[in-house]
């Protein structure tokens, strides 16, 4: 079961935009490097395939795609309204 999405609030959007993206990327890259170093080079491909196999069926399901589109449209409306208010 997927965790519910958090509410779209000004504080959440600001926190997302102000996140230290360099640190997040570096931390992820270091974790993957440790994983591959411990398990060998072929493990990188296996890890990528495992992640793909886990996610693709969920995101490509017609119901999920329709929900995703609906959420994108709702976000577009909210951001359009916010930009007009600024």
C-alpha atoms as a PDB file:
ATOM      1  CA  UNK A   1       0.000   0.000   0.000  1.00  0.00           C
ATOM      2  CA  UNK A   2       1.303   3.427  -0.920  1.00  0.00           C
ATOM      3  CA  UNK A   3       1.672   6.154   1.647  1.00  0.00           C
ATOM      4  CA  UNK A   4      -0.789   9.014   1.186  1.00  0.00           C
ATOM      5  CA  UNK A   5       0.597  12.150  -0.402  1.00  0.00           C
ATOM      6  CA  UNK A   6       1.213  15.088   1.876  1.00  0.00           C
ATOM      7  CA  UNK A   7      -0.898  18.182   1.465  1.00  0.00           C
ATOM      8  CA  UNK A   8       0.294  20.827  -0.939  1.00  0.00           C
ATOM      9  CA  UNK A   9       0.985  23.759   1.336  1.00  0.00           C
ATOM     10  CA  UNK A  10       3.148  26.811   0.951  1.00  0.00           C
ATOM     11  CA  UNK A  11       5.477  25.437   3.637  1.00  0.00           C
ATOM     12  CA  UNK A  12       5.806  22.037   1.901  1.00  0.00           C
ATOM     13  CA  UNK A  13       6.488  23.599  -1.493  1.00  0.00           C
ATOM     14  CA  UNK A  14       9.049  25.971   0.008  1.00  0.00           C
ATOM     15  CA  UNK A  15      10.796  23.105   1.838  1.00  0.00           C
ATOM     16  CA  UNK A  16      10.922  21.113  -1.399  1.00  0.00           C
ATOM     17  CA  UNK A  17      12.340  24.006  -3.399  1.00  0.00           C
ATOM     18  CA  UNK A  18      14.893  24.902  -0.730  1.00  0.00           C
ATOM     19  CA  UNK A  19      16.090  21.317  -0.272  1.00  0.00           C
ATOM     20  CA  UNK A  20      19.836  20.776  -0.581  1.00  0.00           C
ATOM     21  CA  UNK A  21      19.645  18.919  -3.896  1.00  0.00           C
ATOM     22  CA  UNK A  22      23.434  18.571  -4.180  1.00  0.00           C
ATOM     23  CA  UNK A  23      23.535  16.812  -0.815  1.00  0.00           C
ATOM     24  CA  UNK A  24      20.587  14.573  -1.733  1.00  0.00           C
ATOM     25  CA  UNK A  25      22.226  13.531  -5.000  1.00  0.00           C
ATOM     26  CA  UNK A  26      25.638  13.029  -3.385  1.00  0.00           C
ATOM     27  CA  UNK A  27      24.131  10.922  -0.576  1.00  0.00           C
ATOM     28  CA  UNK A  28      22.287   8.711  -3.076  1.00  0.00           C
ATOM     29  CA  UNK A  29      25.378   8.332  -5.275  1.00  0.00           C
ATOM     30  CA  UNK A  30      27.524   7.392  -2.279  1.00  0.00           C
ATOM     31  CA  UNK A  31      24.987   4.794  -1.123  1.00  0.00           C
ATOM     32  CA  UNK A  32      24.836   3.214  -4.583  1.00  0.00           C
ATOM     33  CA  UNK A  33      28.646   3.232  -4.796  1.00  0.00           C
ATOM     34  CA  UNK A  34      28.888   1.400  -1.454  1.00  0.00           C
ATOM     35  CA  UNK A  35      26.257  -1.107  -2.611  1.00  0.00           C
ATOM     36  CA  UNK A  36      28.128  -1.817  -5.862  1.00  0.00           C
ATOM     37  CA  UNK A  37      31.509  -1.922  -4.143  1.00  0.00           C
ATOM     38  CA  UNK A  38      30.231  -4.553  -1.704  1.00  0.00           C
ATOM     39  CA  UNK A  39      28.346  -6.641  -4.291  1.00  0.00           C
ATOM     40  CA  UNK A  40      30.240  -6.143  -7.564  1.00  0.00           C
ATOM     41  CA  UNK A  41      29.662  -4.188 -10.768  1.00  0.00           C
ATOM     42  CA  UNK A  42      26.880  -6.459 -12.043  1.00  0.00           C
ATOM     43  CA  UNK A  43      24.829  -5.559  -8.980  1.00  0.00           C
ATOM     44  CA  UNK A  44      24.299  -2.035 -10.354  1.00  0.00           C
ATOM     45  CA  UNK A  45      22.356  -3.414 -13.323  1.00  0.00           C
ATOM     46  CA  UNK A  46      20.445  -5.797 -11.081  1.00  0.00           C
ATOM     47  CA  UNK A  47      19.559  -2.934  -8.732  1.00  0.00           C
ATOM     48  CA  UNK A  48      18.318  -0.770 -11.608  1.00  0.00           C
ATOM     49  CA  UNK A  49      16.228  -3.633 -12.991  1.00  0.00           C
ATOM     50  CA  UNK A  50      14.758  -4.435  -9.558  1.00  0.00           C
ATOM     51  CA  UNK A  51      13.719  -0.798  -9.093  1.00  0.00           C
ATOM     52  CA  UNK A  52      12.232  -0.681 -12.581  1.00  0.00           C
ATOM     53  CA  UNK A  53      10.350  -3.970 -12.080  1.00  0.00           C
ATOM     54  CA  UNK A  54       8.935  -2.704  -8.794  1.00  0.00           C
ATOM     55  CA  UNK A  55       7.752   0.677 -10.068  1.00  0.00           C
ATOM     56  CA  UNK A  56       6.773   0.246 -13.734  1.00  0.00           C
ATOM     57  CA  UNK A  57       3.697  -1.979 -13.287  1.00  0.00           C
ATOM     58  CA  UNK A  58       2.303   0.421 -10.667  1.00  0.00           C
ATOM     59  CA  UNK A  59       2.825   3.633 -12.609  1.00  0.00           C
ATOM     60  CA  UNK A  60       1.752   2.193 -15.955  1.00  0.00           C
ATOM     61  CA  UNK A  61      -1.583   0.839 -14.731  1.00  0.00           C
ATOM     62  CA  UNK A  62      -4.436   2.677 -16.549  1.00  0.00           C
ATOM     63  CA  UNK A  63      -6.186   3.685 -13.311  1.00  0.00           C
ATOM     64  CA  UNK A  64      -2.946   5.073 -11.883  1.00  0.00           C
ATOM     65  CA  UNK A  65      -2.162   6.938 -15.103  1.00  0.00           C
ATOM     66  CA  UNK A  66      -5.619   8.544 -15.035  1.00  0.00           C
ATOM     67  CA  UNK A  67      -5.125   9.536 -11.377  1.00  0.00           C
ATOM     68  CA  UNK A  68      -1.698  10.930 -12.216  1.00  0.00           C
ATOM     69  CA  UNK A  69      -3.122  13.041 -15.029  1.00  0.00           C
ATOM     70  CA  UNK A  70      -5.882  14.325 -12.758  1.00  0.00           C
ATOM     71  CA  UNK A  71      -3.295  15.308 -10.137  1.00  0.00           C
ATOM     72  CA  UNK A  72      -1.158  17.052 -12.750  1.00  0.00           C
ATOM     73  CA  UNK A  73      -4.153  19.054 -13.955  1.00  0.00           C
ATOM     74  CA  UNK A  74      -5.092  19.994 -10.385  1.00  0.00           C
ATOM     75  CA  UNK A  75      -1.506  21.095  -9.725  1.00  0.00           C
ATOM     76  CA  UNK A  76      -1.487  23.187 -12.888  1.00  0.00           C
ATOM     77  CA  UNK A  77      -4.670  24.951 -11.765  1.00  0.00           C
ATOM     78  CA  UNK A  78      -3.271  25.614  -8.287  1.00  0.00           C
ATOM     79  CA  UNK A  79       0.026  26.940  -9.618  1.00  0.00           C
ATOM     80  CA  UNK A  80      -1.804  29.091 -12.175  1.00  0.00           C
ATOM     81  CA  UNK A  81      -3.962  30.562  -9.425  1.00  0.00           C
ATOM     82  CA  UNK A  82      -0.917  31.149  -7.214  1.00  0.00           C
ATOM     83  CA  UNK A  83       0.995  32.922  -9.999  1.00  0.00           C
ATOM     84  CA  UNK A  84      -1.957  35.236 -10.691  1.00  0.00           C
ATOM     85  CA  UNK A  85      -2.091  36.175  -6.998  1.00  0.00           C
ATOM     86  CA  UNK A  86       1.589  37.060  -6.948  1.00  0.00           C
END
